Amino acid sequence: MKRMLPIIALGASTATSGCINVTAPDKPIEINLNINVTQEVVYRLDGEAKTLIQQNPGIF
């Protein structure tokens, strides 16, 4: 009887286990990425550089 107990337990656990089905969806998966990228550039000029640019406007 002691030898039969593990076999009975295995059979009972197999009989009560569920079934899992994995199926592919009918429609393709759509990932919508609405990304808004903005950039802000802040610059500061040294006083000497600022006067140099003002004195030579065609430097750039």
C-alpha atoms as a PDB file:
ATOM      1  CA  MET A   1       0.000   0.000   0.000  1.00  0.00           C
ATOM      2  CA  LYS A   2       2.882   2.383   0.787  1.00  0.00           C
ATOM      3  CA  ARG A   3       4.315   1.847  -2.693  1.00  0.00           C
ATOM      4  CA  MET A   4       1.008   2.638  -4.362  1.00  0.00           C
ATOM      5  CA  LEU A   5       0.513   5.990  -2.597  1.00  0.00           C
ATOM      6  CA  PRO A   6       2.987   7.982  -4.815  1.00  0.00           C
ATOM      7  CA  ILE A   7       1.475   6.490  -7.960  1.00  0.00           C
ATOM      8  CA  ILE A   8      -2.052   7.399  -6.844  1.00  0.00           C
ATOM      9  CA  ALA A   9      -0.932  10.926  -5.922  1.00  0.00           C
ATOM     10  CA  LEU A  10       0.737  11.374  -9.336  1.00  0.00           C
ATOM     11  CA  GLY A  11      -2.403  10.176 -11.119  1.00  0.00           C
ATOM     12  CA  ALA A  12      -4.627  12.501  -9.104  1.00  0.00           C
ATOM     13  CA  SER A  13      -2.426  15.535  -9.749  1.00  0.00           C
ATOM     14  CA  THR A  14      -2.327  14.793 -13.489  1.00  0.00           C
ATOM     15  CA  ALA A  15      -6.079  14.422 -13.675  1.00  0.00           C
ATOM     16  CA  THR A  16      -6.736  17.772 -11.948  1.00  0.00           C
ATOM     17  CA  SER A  17      -4.168  19.844 -13.841  1.00  0.00           C
ATOM     18  CA  GLY A  18      -5.464  22.450 -16.291  1.00  0.00           C
ATOM     19  CA  CYS A  19      -4.786  22.817 -19.985  1.00  0.00           C
ATOM     20  CA  ILE A  20      -3.141  25.954 -21.356  1.00  0.00           C
ATOM     21  CA  ASN A  21      -3.714  27.016 -24.964  1.00  0.00           C
ATOM     22  CA  VAL A  22      -1.637  29.738 -26.580  1.00  0.00           C
ATOM     23  CA  THR A  23      -2.937  31.128 -29.868  1.00  0.00           C
ATOM     24  CA  ALA A  24      -1.813  34.037 -32.044  1.00  0.00           C
ATOM     25  CA  PRO A  25      -4.153  37.027 -32.298  1.00  0.00           C
ATOM     26  CA  ASP A  26      -6.277  37.501 -35.436  1.00  0.00           C
ATOM     27  CA  LYS A  27      -5.105  41.083 -35.996  1.00  0.00           C
ATOM     28  CA  PRO A  28      -1.462  42.228 -35.984  1.00  0.00           C
ATOM     29  CA  ILE A  29      -0.221  44.028 -32.908  1.00  0.00           C
ATOM     30  CA  GLU A  30      -0.026  47.781 -33.525  1.00  0.00           C
ATOM     31  CA  ILE A  31       2.258  49.981 -31.453  1.00  0.00           C
ATOM     32  CA  ASN A  32       1.560  53.679 -31.906  1.00  0.00           C
ATOM     33  CA  LEU A  33       4.440  55.927 -30.876  1.00  0.00           C
ATOM     34  CA  ASN A  34       3.502  59.591 -30.855  1.00  0.00           C
ATOM     35  CA  ILE A  35       6.740  61.226 -29.802  1.00  0.00           C
ATOM     36  CA  ASN A  36       7.261  64.959 -29.780  1.00  0.00           C
ATOM     37  CA  VAL A  37      10.895  65.973 -29.517  1.00  0.00           C
ATOM     38  CA  THR A  38      11.712  69.595 -28.876  1.00  0.00           C
ATOM     39  CA  GLN A  39      15.091  71.090 -28.252  1.00  0.00           C
ATOM     40  CA  GLU A  40      15.947  74.412 -26.733  1.00  0.00           C
ATOM     41  CA  VAL A  41      19.405  75.876 -27.197  1.00  0.00           C
ATOM     42  CA  VAL A  42      20.584  78.435 -24.691  1.00  0.00           C
ATOM     43  CA  TYR A  43      23.867  80.177 -25.250  1.00  0.00           C
ATOM     44  CA  ARG A  44      25.802  82.804 -23.353  1.00  0.00           C
ATOM     45  CA  LEU A  45      28.678  84.760 -24.724  1.00  0.00           C
ATOM     46  CA  ASP A  46      31.636  86.132 -22.887  1.00  0.00           C
ATOM     47  CA  GLY A  47      31.701  89.927 -22.882  1.00  0.00           C
ATOM     48  CA  GLU A  48      34.824  90.049 -25.065  1.00  0.00           C
ATOM     49  CA  ALA A  49      33.384  87.570 -27.556  1.00  0.00           C
ATOM     50  CA  LYS A  50      30.155  89.528 -27.739  1.00  0.00           C
ATOM     51  CA  THR A  51      31.944  92.792 -28.515  1.00  0.00           C
ATOM     52  CA  LEU A  52      34.166  91.017 -31.055  1.00  0.00           C
ATOM     53  CA  ILE A  53      31.093  89.677 -32.900  1.00  0.00           C
ATOM     54  CA  GLN A  54      29.444  93.110 -32.799  1.00  0.00           C
ATOM     55  CA  GLN A  55      32.591  94.724 -34.226  1.00  0.00           C
ATOM     56  CA  ASN A  56      32.902  92.069 -36.973  1.00  0.00           C
ATOM     57  CA  PRO A  57      29.359  91.111 -38.042  1.00  0.00           C
ATOM     58  CA  GLY A  58      30.583  89.150 -41.085  1.00  0.00           C
ATOM     59  CA  ILE A  59      32.815  86.853 -39.013  1.00  0.00           C
ATOM     60  CA  PHE A  60      30.301  84.034 -39.195  1.00  0.00           C
END
